[in-house]
Amino acid sequence: MLFSVFVLAGMAQAAPYPNTGNFGVPFSQDESWYRQCMRVEGRSAPGLGGQTPAQGCNAGDLYYDKRSQALTSAAEWRQVRACALAQQDDAVLMMLYANGFGVQQDIDIAIHHACKLEFIAKAEMESRIAHLSKPQPAGAVFDQCDDITSGYMGSVCAGIRERQAGRIRKARLDRHAAALPPSARRALTQLQAAADRYAAAAETDMQGTAAPGLAIARKGKLEEQFARTLARVLDKGLPAASPQDLARIDRELNAAYKTLMSPLPSEAGQPERVGESTITRTEVRQAERRWIAYRDAFLAFRAQLPSGASREAIAVELTRQRLAELNAMLRYR
């Protein structure tokens, strides 16, 4: 017998078990994943047992923060579990019981919560249940992002990865700041703000369901680029550059920008759009202005340093990075 469950907009409905509300395609009760879900229907995680979760906790953030630590105590994992139970976060409960983090490993409980996940495509449900049902290699850590097939979950997982990468970048930035004189620390604060504004304006083609995840990844790429460039500036790790080198690459940048901002005959129907992408020339103009402010803030920061890469070396490196971004967008045309 085939079933197809659709969520009607504006109608509050209790989620089915298994949660097929976002499948959008037929499924059969004879399928392996469905039989596995029904086998463990009554195997949800035990309750709080009197434990009180931290007020305002976020189970997902807490889980990944603890997982990224070199060592996480059983008490810390119990805090994660309490938060997940209070928030009814099935993804975190699934991962805790699949991996045995702070609890006795119990794959049936993990499968139960996998079957309750919201916004899951049918292919994700099938592959995730199959993954959980098989013995895992020694030392393997199961994660909700292992079996994604949808653009929605791709965006969720991109956000998780970027949040963790951002925490690492912040720790590195804090270490750099601690070693600087006060005037340079103030300039670094302004530089960080300019870098954040530029990264937030990153031009991204938003076609397709994977686009939100790509936008997150692109912003993260620019933030990581800033962090690495900063380290190279402080460590004198940039190649030497002359005023002539800077003048040459600046001409290349201006030429690429002028070409990108000049619509082709093929773009006459949508002169604001860059080729077949969703990127607009208004977005390019805004990002270019923020990049210029970012470059100038970097040079102002360098002026407060007792040593480091030269002004020309920094300007050439930043211009080279922006030129690569413009050339990538030119390929849409």
Protein backbone atom coordinates (compact mmCIF):
# COMPACT_ATOMS: atom_id res chain seq x y z
CA MET A 1 0.00 0.00 0.00
CA LEU A 2 1.36 3.46 -0.95
CA PHE A 3 1.02 6.59 1.11
CA SER A 4 1.82 10.21 0.34
CA VAL A 5 1.72 12.75 3.16
CA PHE A 6 1.78 16.47 2.42
CA VAL A 7 1.83 19.33 4.92
CA LEU A 8 -0.83 21.91 4.04
CA ALA A 9 0.28 25.51 4.58
CA GLY A 10 -1.43 27.21 7.47
CA MET A 11 -2.79 23.99 8.99
CA ALA A 12 -1.35 22.86 12.31
CA GLN A 13 -1.02 19.10 12.26
CA ALA A 14 0.68 16.69 14.61
CA ALA A 15 3.76 15.22 12.97
CA PRO A 16 3.26 11.61 11.90
CA TYR A 17 5.54 8.84 13.06
CA PRO A 18 7.69 8.26 11.10
CA ASN A 19 7.79 11.92 10.17
CA THR A 20 7.05 11.87 6.46
CA GLY A 21 5.52 15.33 6.37
CA ASN A 22 8.07 16.74 3.95
CA PHE A 23 8.61 13.74 1.69
CA GLY A 24 6.37 15.00 -1.08
CA VAL A 25 6.62 11.58 -2.74
CA PRO A 26 4.85 8.25 -2.15
CA PHE A 27 6.34 5.65 0.17
CA SER A 28 5.46 2.11 1.16
CA GLN A 29 5.11 0.55 4.59
CA ASP A 30 7.05 -2.40 3.20
CA GLU A 31 10.22 -0.37 2.77
CA SER A 32 13.11 -1.27 5.08
CA TRP A 33 13.43 2.18 6.67
CA TYR A 34 9.71 2.22 7.51
CA ARG A 35 9.84 -1.22 9.12
CA GLN A 36 12.85 -0.15 11.18
CA CYS A 37 11.05 2.97 12.36
CA MET A 38 7.97 1.03 13.41
CA ARG A 39 10.11 -1.56 15.20
CA VAL A 40 11.46 1.13 17.56
CA GLU A 41 8.36 3.32 17.79
CA GLY A 42 8.28 3.04 21.58
CA ARG A 43 12.04 3.48 22.16
CA SER A 44 12.34 7.22 22.79
CA ALA A 45 15.06 8.61 25.06
CA PRO A 46 14.29 8.44 28.81
CA GLY A 47 13.06 11.67 30.41
CA LEU A 48 14.99 14.28 32.35
CA GLY A 49 14.73 12.42 35.65
CA GLY A 50 14.74 15.62 37.66
CA GLN A 51 17.65 17.23 35.81
CA THR A 52 17.12 20.87 34.87
CA PRO A 53 18.61 22.13 31.61
CA ALA A 54 20.42 25.46 31.50
CA GLN A 55 18.04 28.33 30.83
CA GLY A 56 18.05 29.41 27.19
CA CYS A 57 20.28 26.55 26.08
CA ASN A 58 20.59 25.60 22.41
CA ALA A 59 20.96 21.85 22.09
CA GLY A 60 22.52 21.87 18.63
CA ASP A 61 25.13 24.50 19.44
CA LEU A 62 25.88 22.87 22.79
CA TYR A 63 26.32 19.44 21.18
CA TYR A 64 28.80 20.62 18.56
CA ASP A 65 30.69 22.81 21.03
CA LYS A 66 31.18 19.84 23.37
CA ARG A 67 32.05 17.51 20.52
CA SER A 68 34.78 19.89 19.33
CA GLN A 69 36.46 19.92 22.76
CA ALA A 70 39.58 17.85 23.30
CA LEU A 71 37.86 16.22 26.27
CA THR A 72 34.18 16.33 27.29
CA SER A 73 33.07 15.00 30.64
CA ALA A 74 30.03 12.79 31.21
CA ALA A 75 28.46 15.65 33.18
CA GLU A 76 28.81 17.98 30.20
CA TRP A 77 27.19 15.41 27.92
CA ARG A 78 24.34 15.09 30.43
CA GLN A 79 23.82 18.84 30.11
CA VAL A 80 23.55 18.43 26.34
CA ARG A 81 21.04 15.59 26.76
CA ALA A 82 18.93 17.60 29.22
CA CYS A 83 18.85 20.55 26.82
CA ALA A 84 17.91 18.28 23.89
CA LEU A 85 15.08 16.69 25.87
CA ALA A 86 13.75 20.07 26.97
CA GLN A 87 13.82 21.35 23.39
CA GLN A 88 12.67 18.05 21.89
CA ASP A 89 15.71 18.16 19.61
CA ASP A 90 15.53 14.79 17.90
CA ALA A 91 18.72 15.34 15.88
CA VAL A 92 20.85 15.81 19.00
CA LEU A 93 19.20 12.90 20.82
CA MET A 94 19.81 10.73 17.76
CA MET A 95 23.51 11.61 17.74
CA LEU A 96 23.98 11.22 21.50
CA TYR A 97 22.55 7.70 21.51
CA ALA A 98 24.16 6.68 18.22
CA ASN A 99 27.60 7.61 19.57
CA GLY A 100 27.11 6.85 23.26
CA PHE A 101 28.04 10.38 24.31
CA GLY A 102 27.15 10.65 28.01
CA VAL A 103 24.68 7.77 27.70
CA GLN A 104 24.76 4.05 27.08
CA GLN A 105 24.93 3.67 23.32
CA ASP A 106 21.53 2.56 22.07
CA ILE A 107 21.02 2.39 18.30
CA ASP A 108 17.31 1.68 18.65
CA ILE A 109 16.80 4.96 20.52
CA ALA A 110 18.92 6.71 17.88
CA ILE A 111 16.77 5.26 15.10
CA HIS A 112 13.59 6.27 16.91
CA HIS A 113 14.68 9.90 16.98
CA ALA A 114 15.96 9.72 13.40
CA CYS A 115 12.45 8.67 12.39
CA LYS A 116 11.02 11.82 14.02
CA LEU A 117 13.26 14.38 12.32
CA GLU A 118 11.49 17.24 10.59
CA PHE A 119 12.11 18.67 7.11
CA ILE A 120 13.70 15.45 5.92
CA ALA A 121 13.62 14.21 2.34
CA LYS A 122 12.66 10.58 1.77
CA ALA A 123 16.13 9.74 0.44
CA GLU A 124 17.68 11.17 3.61
CA MET A 125 15.39 9.12 5.80
CA GLU A 126 16.24 5.94 3.88
CA SER A 127 20.02 6.47 3.93
CA ARG A 128 20.14 7.65 7.55
CA ILE A 129 18.16 4.67 8.89
CA ALA A 130 20.29 2.30 6.81
CA HIS A 131 23.43 3.98 8.15
CA LEU A 132 22.32 3.65 11.76
CA SER A 133 21.23 0.04 11.26
CA LYS A 134 24.69 -1.13 10.16
CA PRO A 135 27.64 -1.76 12.50
CA GLN A 136 29.94 1.26 12.50
CA PRO A 137 33.76 1.10 12.18
CA ALA A 138 35.69 1.48 15.41
CA GLY A 139 36.14 5.15 16.27
CA ALA A 140 33.52 6.36 13.78
CA VAL A 141 31.29 9.21 14.94
CA PHE A 142 27.78 9.34 13.50
CA ASP A 143 26.54 12.79 12.51
CA GLN A 144 23.25 14.14 11.21
CA CYS A 145 25.11 15.57 8.21
CA ASP A 146 26.43 12.20 7.03
CA ASP A 147 23.45 11.30 4.88
CA ILE A 148 22.01 14.55 3.56
CA THR A 149 20.44 14.76 0.11
CA SER A 150 18.38 17.96 0.31
CA GLY A 151 19.29 21.59 -0.14
CA TYR A 152 17.61 22.39 3.17
CA MET A 153 19.84 20.04 5.17
CA GLY A 154 22.82 21.13 3.11
CA SER A 155 22.23 24.65 4.40
CA VAL A 156 21.77 23.43 7.98
CA CYS A 157 25.04 21.51 7.83
CA ALA A 158 26.88 24.40 6.15
CA GLY A 159 25.75 26.58 9.07
CA ILE A 160 27.02 24.02 11.59
CA ARG A 161 30.42 23.79 9.89
CA GLU A 162 30.74 27.55 9.59
CA ARG A 163 29.83 28.15 13.21
CA GLN A 164 32.57 25.82 14.37
CA ALA A 165 35.07 27.32 11.92
CA GLY A 166 34.10 30.77 13.18
CA ARG A 167 34.86 29.79 16.77
CA ILE A 168 38.33 28.66 15.72
CA ARG A 169 38.93 31.87 13.79
CA LYS A 170 37.84 33.97 16.77
CA ALA A 171 40.28 32.14 19.05
CA ARG A 172 43.09 32.81 16.57
CA LEU A 173 42.11 36.46 16.29
CA ASP A 174 42.05 36.84 20.07
CA ARG A 175 45.58 35.41 20.27
CA HIS A 176 46.79 37.84 17.63
CA ALA A 177 45.13 40.78 19.38
CA ALA A 178 46.66 39.91 22.74
CA ALA A 179 50.17 40.30 21.29
CA LEU A 180 49.55 43.74 19.74
CA PRO A 181 50.14 47.22 21.15
CA PRO A 182 46.96 49.11 22.17
CA SER A 183 46.80 51.29 19.04
CA ALA A 184 47.07 48.23 16.81
CA ARG A 185 44.36 46.43 18.81
CA ARG A 186 42.00 49.34 18.19
CA ALA A 187 42.83 49.29 14.49
CA LEU A 188 42.31 45.52 14.43
CA THR A 189 38.82 45.95 15.88
CA GLN A 190 37.98 48.34 13.05
CA LEU A 191 39.56 45.99 10.51
CA GLN A 192 37.54 43.05 11.80
CA ALA A 193 34.34 45.06 11.43
CA ALA A 194 35.24 46.01 7.85
CA ALA A 195 36.10 42.39 7.02
CA ASP A 196 32.76 41.24 8.43
CA ARG A 197 30.86 43.81 6.36
CA TYR A 198 32.64 42.73 3.19
CA ALA A 199 32.06 39.03 3.86
CA ALA A 200 28.36 39.72 4.53
CA ALA A 201 28.09 41.27 1.06
CA ALA A 202 29.60 38.26 -0.71
CA GLU A 203 27.95 37.87 -4.11
CA THR A 204 26.36 34.42 -4.49
CA ASP A 205 24.27 32.89 -7.25
CA MET A 206 21.10 31.92 -5.37
CA GLN A 207 19.66 29.48 -7.90
CA GLY A 208 18.65 26.04 -6.64
CA THR A 209 17.86 24.55 -3.25
CA ALA A 210 21.55 24.35 -2.34
CA ALA A 211 22.00 28.12 -2.71
CA PRO A 212 21.57 29.07 0.99
CA GLY A 213 24.30 26.61 1.93
CA LEU A 214 26.55 27.98 -0.81
CA ALA A 215 25.98 31.52 0.51
CA ILE A 216 27.02 30.44 4.01
CA ALA A 217 30.11 28.71 2.62
CA ARG A 218 31.07 31.71 0.49
CA LYS A 219 30.81 34.09 3.43
CA GLY A 220 32.89 31.68 5.50
CA LYS A 221 35.49 31.49 2.74
CA LEU A 222 35.99 35.27 2.84
CA GLU A 223 36.18 35.27 6.64
CA GLU A 224 38.80 32.52 6.56
CA GLN A 225 40.67 34.39 3.82
CA PHE A 226 40.85 37.43 6.10
CA ALA A 227 42.09 35.36 9.05
CA ARG A 228 44.83 33.74 6.98
CA THR A 229 45.89 37.02 5.42
CA LEU A 230 46.09 38.64 8.85
CA ALA A 231 48.36 35.86 10.08
CA ARG A 232 50.61 36.23 7.04
CA VAL A 233 50.81 39.99 7.53
CA LEU A 234 51.86 39.63 11.15
CA ASP A 235 54.37 36.88 10.34
CA LYS A 236 55.80 38.65 7.27
CA GLY A 237 54.54 35.74 5.22
CA LEU A 238 53.35 37.73 2.20
CA PRO A 239 55.54 37.93 -0.93
CA ALA A 240 57.34 41.22 -1.40
CA ALA A 241 55.67 43.66 -3.78
CA SER A 242 56.59 46.96 -5.39
CA PRO A 243 54.49 50.03 -6.24
CA GLN A 244 54.68 48.85 -9.86
CA ASP A 245 53.24 45.45 -8.88
CA LEU A 246 50.37 47.20 -7.11
CA ALA A 247 49.69 49.51 -10.07
CA ARG A 248 49.59 46.55 -12.46
CA ILE A 249 47.15 44.41 -10.48
CA ASP A 250 45.03 47.45 -9.69
CA ARG A 251 44.63 48.03 -13.45
CA GLU A 252 43.59 44.38 -13.84
CA LEU A 253 41.02 44.76 -11.08
CA ASN A 254 39.56 47.93 -12.60
CA ALA A 255 39.33 46.30 -16.02
CA ALA A 256 37.57 43.23 -14.64
CA TYR A 257 35.15 45.38 -12.66
CA LYS A 258 34.36 47.56 -15.68
CA THR A 259 33.73 44.46 -17.82
CA LEU A 260 31.49 42.89 -15.19
CA MET A 261 29.45 46.06 -14.76
CA SER A 262 28.91 46.53 -18.52
CA PRO A 263 25.95 44.41 -19.73
CA LEU A 264 26.48 42.27 -22.81
CA PRO A 265 23.92 42.26 -25.65
CA SER A 266 22.82 38.84 -24.39
CA GLU A 267 21.97 40.45 -21.03
CA ALA A 268 19.77 43.15 -22.57
CA GLY A 269 16.61 41.51 -21.26
CA GLN A 270 17.94 41.63 -17.69
CA PRO A 271 20.70 44.27 -17.66
CA GLU A 272 20.87 44.28 -13.85
CA ARG A 273 21.71 40.55 -13.70
CA VAL A 274 25.19 39.11 -14.26
CA GLY A 275 24.74 36.52 -17.00
CA GLU A 276 22.54 33.57 -16.05
CA SER A 277 23.13 34.06 -12.31
CA THR A 278 20.93 35.79 -9.76
CA ILE A 279 23.80 38.14 -8.86
CA THR A 280 22.91 41.76 -9.59
CA ARG A 281 25.23 44.57 -10.52
CA THR A 282 23.92 46.49 -7.51
CA GLU A 283 25.21 43.66 -5.31
CA VAL A 284 28.58 43.73 -7.08
CA ARG A 285 28.81 47.51 -6.62
CA GLN A 286 27.99 47.23 -2.90
CA ALA A 287 30.51 44.43 -2.37
CA GLU A 288 33.18 46.40 -4.25
CA ARG A 289 32.66 49.42 -2.01
CA ARG A 290 32.86 47.25 1.10
CA TRP A 291 36.00 45.57 -0.24
CA ILE A 292 37.63 49.01 -0.72
CA ALA A 293 36.75 49.93 2.88
CA TYR A 294 38.16 46.56 4.00
CA ARG A 295 41.40 47.11 2.06
CA ASP A 296 41.80 50.61 3.50
CA ALA A 297 41.14 49.34 7.03
CA PHE A 298 43.84 46.68 6.53
CA LEU A 299 46.34 49.33 5.46
CA ALA A 300 45.36 51.52 8.43
CA PHE A 301 45.95 48.54 10.71
CA ARG A 302 49.37 47.93 9.15
CA ALA A 303 50.32 51.54 9.92
CA GLN A 304 49.94 50.75 13.64
CA LEU A 305 52.27 47.74 13.56
CA PRO A 306 55.93 47.96 14.55
CA SER A 307 56.75 45.41 11.83
CA GLY A 308 55.14 43.09 9.32
CA ALA A 309 54.41 42.85 5.62
CA SER A 310 54.78 46.04 3.56
CA ARG A 311 51.86 48.22 2.55
CA GLU A 312 52.34 47.23 -1.10
CA ALA A 313 52.47 43.53 -0.26
CA ILE A 314 49.17 43.76 1.63
CA ALA A 315 47.43 45.80 -1.06
CA VAL A 316 48.61 43.43 -3.80
CA GLU A 317 47.41 40.38 -1.88
CA LEU A 318 43.99 41.86 -1.13
CA THR A 319 43.59 43.05 -4.72
CA ARG A 320 44.59 39.62 -6.02
CA GLN A 321 41.88 38.05 -3.83
CA ARG A 322 39.19 40.47 -5.02
CA LEU A 323 40.26 40.04 -8.66
CA ALA A 324 39.76 36.27 -8.30
CA GLU A 325 36.20 36.93 -7.07
CA LEU A 326 35.40 39.20 -10.02
CA ASN A 327 36.88 36.75 -12.53
CA ALA A 328 34.76 33.96 -11.05
CA MET A 329 31.63 36.06 -11.61
CA LEU A 330 32.67 36.85 -15.18
CA ARG A 331 32.33 33.13 -15.93
CA TYR A 332 28.56 33.44 -15.50
CA ARG A 333 28.40 35.52 -18.69
